[in-house]
Amino acid sequence: MDLALASAFPGSLLGVVPQGWMRRWDAQGHVSRQDWHSAAIVLAGAQALILSDEDLGHSTATLAYYRRLCPLVVLTLGARGCQVWQGDRMTAMPPRPAHEVDPTGAGDVFAAAFLIRLAATGDPLQAARFANVAASFSVEGQATHAIPSLAQVETWLTQHPIEAQSSL
């Protein structure tokens, strides 16, 4: 992707999901992790960064670096929910318990749901909770068949209120 695209939509919510920049393929088609060298350029105008602990190679130093570059960082933790980092404040958002059938695409569902709810509400914690629930439903079936409707996610959220866990 042309890095200039990150600054092509001034005034818009720019959320970055860097997985493609953090992967490389060898001659045999094996995928492995690599450093994201363009992070500072891409994140210069971003409002949110969404990535997984696997993307980071479980590196707290890399996470700290990205947190300095972007005001809102969401670290997805699969079945353990996610962490929402706003500056130095971290809020742990618990998951919706799910019976995993096919995890393919759950991160994409999470990212889309998070950014849609963030744009609608301006509340990153509400967006993270919404995205956790949407992604958890999406793993309970094959391919795209389990992606939930808006009504399904909102009904579950209404029936299961929670308190987020913050720490400094």
C-alpha atoms as a PDB file:
ATOM      1  CA  MET A   1       0.000   0.000   0.000  1.00  0.00           C
ATOM      2  CA  ASP A   2       1.250   3.465  -0.809  1.00  0.00           C
ATOM      3  CA  LEU A   3       2.142   5.095   2.519  1.00  0.00           C
ATOM      4  CA  ALA A   4       0.709   8.419   1.307  1.00  0.00           C
ATOM      5  CA  LEU A   5      -2.751   6.875   1.511  1.00  0.00           C
ATOM      6  CA  ALA A   6      -2.621   7.244   5.309  1.00  0.00           C
ATOM      7  CA  SER A   7      -2.828  11.032   4.913  1.00  0.00           C
ATOM      8  CA  ALA A   8      -5.286  11.080   1.984  1.00  0.00           C
ATOM      9  CA  PHE A   9      -8.431  11.537   4.095  1.00  0.00           C
ATOM     10  CA  PRO A  10      -7.954  14.549   6.387  1.00  0.00           C
ATOM     11  CA  GLY A  11     -10.656  14.913   9.019  1.00  0.00           C
ATOM     12  CA  SER A  12     -11.578  11.227   8.810  1.00  0.00           C
ATOM     13  CA  LEU A  13     -11.203   8.555  11.451  1.00  0.00           C
ATOM     14  CA  LEU A  14      -8.029   6.729  10.503  1.00  0.00           C
ATOM     15  CA  GLY A  15      -7.712   3.312  12.053  1.00  0.00           C
ATOM     16  CA  VAL A  16      -4.695   1.213  11.182  1.00  0.00           C
ATOM     17  CA  VAL A  17      -4.522  -2.589  11.191  1.00  0.00           C
ATOM     18  CA  PRO A  18      -0.855  -3.246  10.347  1.00  0.00           C
ATOM     19  CA  GLN A  19      -0.802  -7.028  10.018  1.00  0.00           C
ATOM     20  CA  GLY A  20       0.268  -6.966   6.355  1.00  0.00           C
ATOM     21  CA  TRP A  21       3.236  -4.717   7.147  1.00  0.00           C
ATOM     22  CA  MET A  22       4.282  -7.094   9.924  1.00  0.00           C
ATOM     23  CA  ARG A  23       4.487 -10.251   7.802  1.00  0.00           C
ATOM     24  CA  ARG A  24       6.888 -11.616   5.210  1.00  0.00           C
ATOM     25  CA  TRP A  25       6.747 -14.637   2.967  1.00  0.00           C
ATOM     26  CA  ASP A  26       9.733 -16.785   2.060  1.00  0.00           C
ATOM     27  CA  ALA A  27      10.299 -18.654  -1.214  1.00  0.00           C
ATOM     28  CA  GLN A  28       8.390 -21.683   0.111  1.00  0.00           C
ATOM     29  CA  GLY A  29       5.375 -19.552   1.058  1.00  0.00           C
ATOM     30  CA  HIS A  30       5.959 -19.686   4.800  1.00  0.00           C
ATOM     31  CA  VAL A  31       4.780 -16.609   6.671  1.00  0.00           C
ATOM     32  CA  SER A  32       6.804 -15.108   9.506  1.00  0.00           C
ATOM     33  CA  ARG A  33       6.812 -11.945  11.580  1.00  0.00           C
ATOM     34  CA  GLN A  34       8.886  -8.918  10.632  1.00  0.00           C
ATOM     35  CA  ASP A  35       9.416  -5.438  12.050  1.00  0.00           C
ATOM     36  CA  TRP A  36       7.063  -2.728  10.814  1.00  0.00           C
ATOM     37  CA  HIS A  37       9.528  -0.163   9.488  1.00  0.00           C
ATOM     38  CA  SER A  38       6.955   2.375   8.255  1.00  0.00           C
ATOM     39  CA  ALA A  39       5.032   2.577  11.545  1.00  0.00           C
ATOM     40  CA  ALA A  40       6.035   6.163  12.356  1.00  0.00           C
ATOM     41  CA  ILE A  41       4.959   7.369   8.898  1.00  0.00           C
ATOM     42  CA  VAL A  42       1.643   5.509   8.821  1.00  0.00           C
ATOM     43  CA  LEU A  43       0.678   6.311  12.412  1.00  0.00           C
ATOM     44  CA  ALA A  44       1.483  10.025  12.163  1.00  0.00           C
ATOM     45  CA  GLY A  45      -2.142  10.830  11.328  1.00  0.00           C
ATOM     46  CA  ALA A  46      -3.868   7.788  12.805  1.00  0.00           C
ATOM     47  CA  GLN A  47      -6.375   7.959  15.624  1.00  0.00           C
ATOM     48  CA  ALA A  48      -6.362   4.221  16.360  1.00  0.00           C
ATOM     49  CA  LEU A  49      -4.058   1.249  15.952  1.00  0.00           C
ATOM     50  CA  ILE A  50      -5.486  -2.269  16.216  1.00  0.00           C
ATOM     51  CA  LEU A  51      -3.129  -5.224  16.428  1.00  0.00           C
ATOM     52  CA  SER A  52      -2.748  -8.564  18.146  1.00  0.00           C
ATOM     53  CA  ASP A  53      -0.265  -9.796  20.684  1.00  0.00           C
ATOM     54  CA  GLU A  54       0.909 -12.220  17.976  1.00  0.00           C
ATOM     55  CA  ASP A  55       1.606  -9.286  15.635  1.00  0.00           C
ATOM     56  CA  LEU A  56       3.931  -7.909  18.301  1.00  0.00           C
ATOM     57  CA  GLY A  57       5.687 -11.197  18.873  1.00  0.00           C
ATOM     58  CA  HIS A  58       4.454 -10.705  22.466  1.00  0.00           C
ATOM     59  CA  SER A  59       6.937  -7.803  22.817  1.00  0.00           C
ATOM     60  CA  THR A  60       6.054  -5.214  25.465  1.00  0.00           C
ATOM     61  CA  ALA A  61       8.834  -2.944  24.131  1.00  0.00           C
ATOM     62  CA  THR A  62       7.258  -2.921  20.660  1.00  0.00           C
ATOM     63  CA  LEU A  63       3.852  -2.204  22.160  1.00  0.00           C
ATOM     64  CA  ALA A  64       5.323   0.720  24.134  1.00  0.00           C
ATOM     65  CA  TYR A  65       6.860   2.095  20.928  1.00  0.00           C
ATOM     66  CA  TYR A  66       3.524   1.974  19.068  1.00  0.00           C
ATOM     67  CA  ARG A  67       1.759   3.571  22.047  1.00  0.00           C
ATOM     68  CA  ARG A  68       4.096   6.559  21.694  1.00  0.00           C
ATOM     69  CA  LEU A  69       3.146   6.871  18.006  1.00  0.00           C
ATOM     70  CA  CYS A  70      -0.646   6.588  18.289  1.00  0.00           C
ATOM     71  CA  PRO A  71      -3.037   7.994  20.922  1.00  0.00           C
ATOM     72  CA  LEU A  72      -5.270   4.895  20.950  1.00  0.00           C
ATOM     73  CA  VAL A  73      -3.891   1.359  20.698  1.00  0.00           C
ATOM     74  CA  VAL A  74      -6.075  -1.725  20.928  1.00  0.00           C
ATOM     75  CA  LEU A  75      -4.265  -4.979  21.560  1.00  0.00           C
ATOM     76  CA  THR A  76      -6.400  -8.014  20.761  1.00  0.00           C
ATOM     77  CA  LEU A  77      -5.822 -11.108  22.855  1.00  0.00           C
ATOM     78  CA  GLY A  78      -8.091 -13.639  21.170  1.00  0.00           C
ATOM     79  CA  ALA A  79     -10.226 -15.549  23.655  1.00  0.00           C
ATOM     80  CA  ARG A  80      -8.847 -13.303  26.454  1.00  0.00           C
ATOM     81  CA  GLY A  81     -10.522 -10.157  25.080  1.00  0.00           C
ATOM     82  CA  CYS A  82      -8.461  -7.041  24.468  1.00  0.00           C
ATOM     83  CA  GLN A  83      -6.574  -4.167  26.047  1.00  0.00           C
ATOM     84  CA  VAL A  84      -7.374  -0.569  25.203  1.00  0.00           C
ATOM     85  CA  TRP A  85      -4.409   1.757  25.643  1.00  0.00           C
ATOM     86  CA  GLN A  86      -5.112   5.491  25.842  1.00  0.00           C
ATOM     87  CA  GLY A  87      -1.728   7.034  26.554  1.00  0.00           C
ATOM     88  CA  ASP A  88      -0.399   5.277  29.652  1.00  0.00           C
ATOM     89  CA  ARG A  89      -3.815   4.070  30.781  1.00  0.00           C
ATOM     90  CA  MET A  90      -4.741   0.508  29.946  1.00  0.00           C
ATOM     91  CA  THR A  91      -8.263  -0.859  30.222  1.00  0.00           C
ATOM     92  CA  ALA A  92      -8.775  -4.597  29.965  1.00  0.00           C
ATOM     93  CA  MET A  93     -11.986  -5.545  28.180  1.00  0.00           C
ATOM     94  CA  PRO A  94     -13.121  -9.088  28.945  1.00  0.00           C
ATOM     95  CA  PRO A  95     -14.315 -11.368  26.159  1.00  0.00           C
ATOM     96  CA  ARG A  96     -17.710 -12.885  25.519  1.00  0.00           C
ATOM     97  CA  PRO A  97     -17.292 -16.619  26.125  1.00  0.00           C
ATOM     98  CA  ALA A  98     -17.439 -18.428  22.790  1.00  0.00           C
ATOM     99  CA  HIS A  99     -17.313 -21.956  21.443  1.00  0.00           C
ATOM    100  CA  GLU A 100     -14.611 -21.607  18.782  1.00  0.00           C
ATOM    101  CA  VAL A 101     -15.273 -23.440  15.525  1.00  0.00           C
ATOM    102  CA  ASP A 102     -13.264 -21.347  13.040  1.00  0.00           C
ATOM    103  CA  PRO A 103     -11.163 -18.360  14.161  1.00  0.00           C
ATOM    104  CA  THR A 104     -10.403 -17.270  10.584  1.00  0.00           C
ATOM    105  CA  GLY A 105     -11.277 -13.615  10.127  1.00  0.00           C
ATOM    106  CA  ALA A 106     -12.028 -12.860  13.779  1.00  0.00           C
ATOM    107  CA  GLY A 107      -9.396 -10.117  13.838  1.00  0.00           C
ATOM    108  CA  ASP A 108     -10.903  -8.509  10.751  1.00  0.00           C
ATOM    109  CA  VAL A 109     -14.384  -8.655  12.294  1.00  0.00           C
ATOM    110  CA  PHE A 110     -12.967  -7.134  15.487  1.00  0.00           C
ATOM    111  CA  ALA A 111     -11.236  -4.279  13.633  1.00  0.00           C
ATOM    112  CA  ALA A 112     -14.262  -3.429  11.481  1.00  0.00           C
ATOM    113  CA  ALA A 113     -16.670  -3.575  14.432  1.00  0.00           C
ATOM    114  CA  PHE A 114     -14.320  -1.493  16.598  1.00  0.00           C
ATOM    115  CA  LEU A 115     -13.891   1.264  14.022  1.00  0.00           C
ATOM    116  CA  ILE A 116     -17.599   1.386  13.152  1.00  0.00           C
ATOM    117  CA  ARG A 117     -18.588   1.697  16.823  1.00  0.00           C
ATOM    118  CA  LEU A 118     -15.775   4.168  17.552  1.00  0.00           C
ATOM    119  CA  ALA A 119     -16.930   6.382  14.676  1.00  0.00           C
ATOM    120  CA  ALA A 120     -20.528   6.185  15.907  1.00  0.00           C
ATOM    121  CA  THR A 121     -19.887   6.802  19.614  1.00  0.00           C
ATOM    122  CA  GLY A 122     -16.426   8.320  20.024  1.00  0.00           C
ATOM    123  CA  ASP A 123     -15.991   5.950  22.984  1.00  0.00           C
ATOM    124  CA  PRO A 124     -13.056   3.529  22.593  1.00  0.00           C
ATOM    125  CA  LEU A 125     -14.129   1.369  25.539  1.00  0.00           C
ATOM    126  CA  GLN A 126     -17.643   0.918  24.202  1.00  0.00           C
ATOM    127  CA  ALA A 127     -16.146   0.218  20.777  1.00  0.00           C
ATOM    128  CA  ALA A 128     -13.792  -2.421  22.208  1.00  0.00           C
ATOM    129  CA  ARG A 129     -16.568  -4.193  24.080  1.00  0.00           C
ATOM    130  CA  PHE A 130     -18.754  -4.164  20.964  1.00  0.00           C
ATOM    131  CA  ALA A 131     -15.874  -5.510  18.845  1.00  0.00           C
ATOM    132  CA  ASN A 132     -15.056  -8.263  21.375  1.00  0.00           C
ATOM    133  CA  VAL A 133     -18.648  -9.495  21.215  1.00  0.00           C
ATOM    134  CA  ALA A 134     -18.868  -9.291  17.404  1.00  0.00           C
ATOM    135  CA  ALA A 135     -15.592 -11.192  16.975  1.00  0.00           C
ATOM    136  CA  SER A 136     -16.596 -13.827  19.525  1.00  0.00           C
ATOM    137  CA  PHE A 137     -19.789 -14.611  17.611  1.00  0.00           C
ATOM    138  CA  SER A 138     -17.805 -14.777  14.362  1.00  0.00           C
ATOM    139  CA  VAL A 139     -15.660 -17.696  15.564  1.00  0.00           C
ATOM    140  CA  GLU A 140     -18.668 -19.870  16.394  1.00  0.00           C
ATOM    141  CA  GLY A 141     -19.251 -20.983  12.797  1.00  0.00           C
ATOM    142  CA  GLN A 142     -17.504 -21.475   9.477  1.00  0.00           C
ATOM    143  CA  ALA A 143     -16.211 -18.587   7.365  1.00  0.00           C
ATOM    144  CA  THR A 144     -18.533 -15.575   7.207  1.00  0.00           C
ATOM    145  CA  HIS A 145     -21.703 -17.439   8.212  1.00  0.00           C
ATOM    146  CA  ALA A 146     -21.271 -16.670  11.909  1.00  0.00           C
ATOM    147  CA  ILE A 147     -20.660 -12.923  11.612  1.00  0.00           C
ATOM    148  CA  PRO A 148     -23.408 -11.487  13.819  1.00  0.00           C
ATOM    149  CA  SER A 149     -25.985  -8.854  13.022  1.00  0.00           C
ATOM    150  CA  LEU A 150     -25.973  -5.508  14.781  1.00  0.00           C
ATOM    151  CA  ALA A 151     -29.120  -6.551  16.661  1.00  0.00           C
ATOM    152  CA  GLN A 152     -27.472  -9.789  17.845  1.00  0.00           C
ATOM    153  CA  VAL A 153     -24.465  -7.935  19.269  1.00  0.00           C
ATOM    154  CA  GLU A 154     -26.545  -5.190  20.881  1.00  0.00           C
ATOM    155  CA  THR A 155     -28.943  -7.704  22.441  1.00  0.00           C
ATOM    156  CA  TRP A 156     -26.053  -9.629  23.987  1.00  0.00           C
ATOM    157  CA  LEU A 157     -24.461  -6.414  25.297  1.00  0.00           C
ATOM    158  CA  THR A 158     -27.734  -5.305  26.881  1.00  0.00           C
ATOM    159  CA  GLN A 159     -28.202  -8.673  28.561  1.00  0.00           C
ATOM    160  CA  HIS A 160     -24.593  -8.856  29.843  1.00  0.00           C
ATOM    161  CA  PRO A 161     -23.419  -5.543  31.332  1.00  0.00           C
ATOM    162  CA  ILE A 162     -19.828  -5.502  32.605  1.00  0.00           C
ATOM    163  CA  GLU A 163     -17.318  -3.206  34.195  1.00  0.00           C
ATOM    164  CA  ALA A 164     -14.030  -2.653  32.387  1.00  0.00           C
ATOM    165  CA  GLN A 165     -10.842  -3.097  34.389  1.00  0.00           C
ATOM    166  CA  SER A 166      -8.469  -0.112  34.222  1.00  0.00           C
ATOM    167  CA  SER A 167      -4.898   0.152  35.357  1.00  0.00           C
ATOM    168  CA  LEU A 168      -2.091   2.637  35.008  1.00  0.00           C
END
